[in-house]
Amino acid sequence: MQLFMDADACPRVIKEIVYRAIARVKLPLIMITNQTMSVPQSPFITLINVDAGADMADDKIVELVQPGDLVITADIPLADRVVDKDAYALDPRGAFHTKETIKQRLAIRNLMDHLRNSGIPTGGPAGFNPKDRKAFADQLDKFIAKQ
């Protein structure tokens, strides 16, 4: 099993949790980004830079992910594509996506996107907080423990 990270928009605190987890259990982490990024020196971390552009990082993740892998992303359409490949997706706020949950989450995301595009104000997500960080860390630990 490998971990993948949609690294461009991932909060720094989540990256740090993941860095500690992979060092502890010696799991490979593949970080996909279209920006310059520094990561800790580790034999378990691979950083892949892709060209800037819509879905370039997402496409690379989908290309590389294998059944049973875990992808860390807040991007619901990417999570859907990953789950279609029999992998799993974990949101930085701790939402774990599987075949049983992702289609409903994608439908809600698409509805909200349609409302925003129609000019209806929908607000945005609440600010990232310590509760989100704990929910993520707990879900990551549970997932790793099952492997």
Protein backbone atom coordinates (compact mmCIF):
# COMPACT_ATOMS: atom_id res chain seq x y z
CA MET A 1 0.00 0.00 0.00
CA GLN A 2 1.10 3.52 -0.76
CA LEU A 3 -0.13 6.92 0.32
CA PHE A 4 -0.65 9.65 -2.25
CA MET A 5 -1.15 13.31 -1.48
CA ASP A 6 -2.76 15.95 -3.65
CA ALA A 7 -0.16 18.26 -2.18
CA ASP A 8 -0.91 21.70 -3.62
CA ALA A 9 -3.90 22.51 -1.43
CA CYS A 10 -3.17 20.25 1.53
CA PRO A 11 -2.80 22.22 4.79
CA ARG A 12 0.70 22.23 6.25
CA VAL A 13 -0.49 20.73 9.54
CA ILE A 14 -1.94 17.75 7.65
CA LYS A 15 1.32 17.27 5.76
CA GLU A 16 3.18 17.20 9.07
CA ILE A 17 0.81 14.56 10.48
CA VAL A 18 1.37 12.44 7.38
CA TYR A 19 5.16 12.87 7.53
CA ARG A 20 5.20 11.59 11.11
CA ALA A 21 2.88 8.69 10.31
CA ILE A 22 4.87 7.42 7.33
CA ALA A 23 8.13 7.65 9.27
CA ARG A 24 6.58 5.68 12.13
CA VAL A 25 5.18 2.85 9.99
CA LYS A 26 7.59 3.12 7.04
CA LEU A 27 4.98 3.61 4.32
CA PRO A 28 5.78 5.25 1.00
CA LEU A 29 4.24 8.68 0.38
CA ILE A 30 3.98 10.06 -3.14
CA MET A 31 3.25 13.78 -3.19
CA ILE A 32 1.93 15.20 -6.45
CA THR A 33 2.21 18.95 -7.01
CA ASN A 34 2.42 21.53 -9.76
CA GLN A 35 4.25 24.00 -7.51
CA THR A 36 7.72 24.15 -6.04
CA MET A 37 7.57 22.55 -2.62
CA SER A 38 10.07 21.50 -0.01
CA VAL A 39 9.57 18.26 1.86
CA PRO A 40 11.54 16.60 4.63
CA GLN A 41 14.43 14.41 3.58
CA SER A 42 13.06 10.88 3.86
CA PRO A 43 13.49 7.59 2.02
CA PHE A 44 9.69 7.23 2.22
CA ILE A 45 8.76 10.48 0.42
CA THR A 46 8.68 10.93 -3.34
CA LEU A 47 7.78 14.34 -4.75
CA ILE A 48 6.44 14.43 -8.30
CA ASN A 49 6.03 17.79 -10.01
CA VAL A 50 3.56 17.98 -12.88
CA ASP A 51 2.87 20.79 -15.31
CA ALA A 52 0.45 23.48 -14.18
CA GLY A 53 -3.00 23.09 -15.61
CA ALA A 54 -6.47 21.90 -14.82
CA ASP A 55 -6.43 18.36 -13.42
CA MET A 56 -2.77 17.67 -14.27
CA ALA A 57 -2.00 16.61 -10.68
CA ASP A 58 -5.29 14.72 -10.41
CA ASP A 59 -4.60 12.85 -13.65
CA LYS A 60 -1.14 11.82 -12.40
CA ILE A 61 -2.55 10.54 -9.12
CA VAL A 62 -5.21 8.51 -10.94
CA GLU A 63 -2.55 7.14 -13.28
CA LEU A 64 -0.36 5.94 -10.40
CA VAL A 65 -2.85 4.86 -7.74
CA GLN A 66 -3.45 1.14 -7.25
CA PRO A 67 -6.25 -0.77 -5.49
CA GLY A 68 -5.94 -0.43 -1.73
CA ASP A 69 -3.86 2.78 -1.85
CA LEU A 70 -4.93 5.87 0.07
CA VAL A 71 -5.13 9.33 -1.49
CA ILE A 72 -5.24 12.42 0.71
CA THR A 73 -7.28 15.08 -1.07
CA ALA A 74 -10.04 17.60 -0.53
CA ASP A 75 -10.97 17.34 -4.21
CA ILE A 76 -14.24 15.37 -4.40
CA PRO A 77 -14.10 14.64 -8.17
CA LEU A 78 -10.55 13.30 -7.67
CA ALA A 79 -11.73 11.22 -4.71
CA ASP A 80 -14.45 9.75 -6.95
CA ARG A 81 -11.91 8.80 -9.62
CA VAL A 82 -9.62 7.22 -7.01
CA VAL A 83 -12.42 5.20 -5.44
CA ASP A 84 -13.41 3.97 -8.92
CA LYS A 85 -9.93 2.39 -9.05
CA ASP A 86 -10.61 0.49 -5.78
CA ALA A 87 -8.48 2.85 -3.72
CA TYR A 88 -9.55 5.09 -0.84
CA ALA A 89 -9.64 8.83 -0.31
CA LEU A 90 -9.23 10.79 2.91
CA ASP A 91 -10.15 14.46 3.16
CA PRO A 92 -7.88 16.74 5.26
CA ARG A 93 -10.88 17.27 7.57
CA GLY A 94 -11.13 13.54 8.27
CA ALA A 95 -13.89 12.49 5.85
CA PHE A 96 -13.08 9.00 4.57
CA HIS A 97 -14.44 8.18 1.10
CA THR A 98 -15.27 4.69 -0.12
CA LYS A 99 -17.46 3.23 -2.86
CA GLU A 100 -20.35 3.40 -0.39
CA THR A 101 -19.97 7.13 0.36
CA ILE A 102 -18.39 8.97 -2.54
CA LYS A 103 -21.31 9.18 -4.98
CA GLN A 104 -23.51 10.99 -2.45
CA ARG A 105 -20.67 13.36 -1.57
CA LEU A 106 -20.04 14.03 -5.28
CA ALA A 107 -23.74 14.74 -5.88
CA ILE A 108 -23.77 17.28 -3.03
CA ARG A 109 -20.60 18.91 -4.35
CA ASN A 110 -22.07 19.14 -7.85
CA LEU A 111 -25.32 20.63 -6.53
CA MET A 112 -23.44 23.29 -4.55
CA ASP A 113 -21.29 24.05 -7.60
CA HIS A 114 -24.43 24.45 -9.73
CA LEU A 115 -25.98 26.79 -7.15
CA ARG A 116 -22.81 28.94 -7.01
CA ASN A 117 -22.65 29.07 -10.81
CA SER A 118 -26.29 30.21 -10.83
CA GLY A 119 -25.39 33.16 -8.63
CA ILE A 120 -26.85 31.77 -5.41
CA PRO A 121 -24.54 32.47 -2.47
CA THR A 122 -23.73 29.23 -0.68
CA GLY A 123 -20.94 30.28 1.66
CA GLY A 124 -17.78 28.31 1.95
CA PRO A 125 -16.39 25.73 4.31
CA ALA A 126 -15.65 26.66 7.88
CA GLY A 127 -12.05 27.48 8.73
CA PHE A 128 -9.69 24.57 9.34
CA ASN A 129 -9.48 23.93 13.09
CA PRO A 130 -7.97 21.58 15.69
CA LYS A 131 -11.08 19.35 15.57
CA ASP A 132 -10.48 18.82 11.83
CA ARG A 133 -6.82 18.01 12.47
CA LYS A 134 -7.74 15.41 15.10
CA ALA A 135 -10.43 13.86 12.88
CA PHE A 136 -7.86 13.50 10.08
CA ALA A 137 -5.18 12.02 12.34
CA ASP A 138 -7.66 9.54 13.82
CA GLN A 139 -8.87 8.38 10.40
CA LEU A 140 -5.32 8.07 9.09
CA ASP A 141 -4.28 6.01 12.13
CA LYS A 142 -7.32 3.72 11.74
CA PHE A 143 -6.60 3.17 8.07
CA ILE A 144 -2.91 2.41 8.64
CA ALA A 145 -3.73 0.04 11.52
CA LYS A 146 -5.95 -2.04 9.21
CA GLN A 147 -3.14 -2.57 6.70
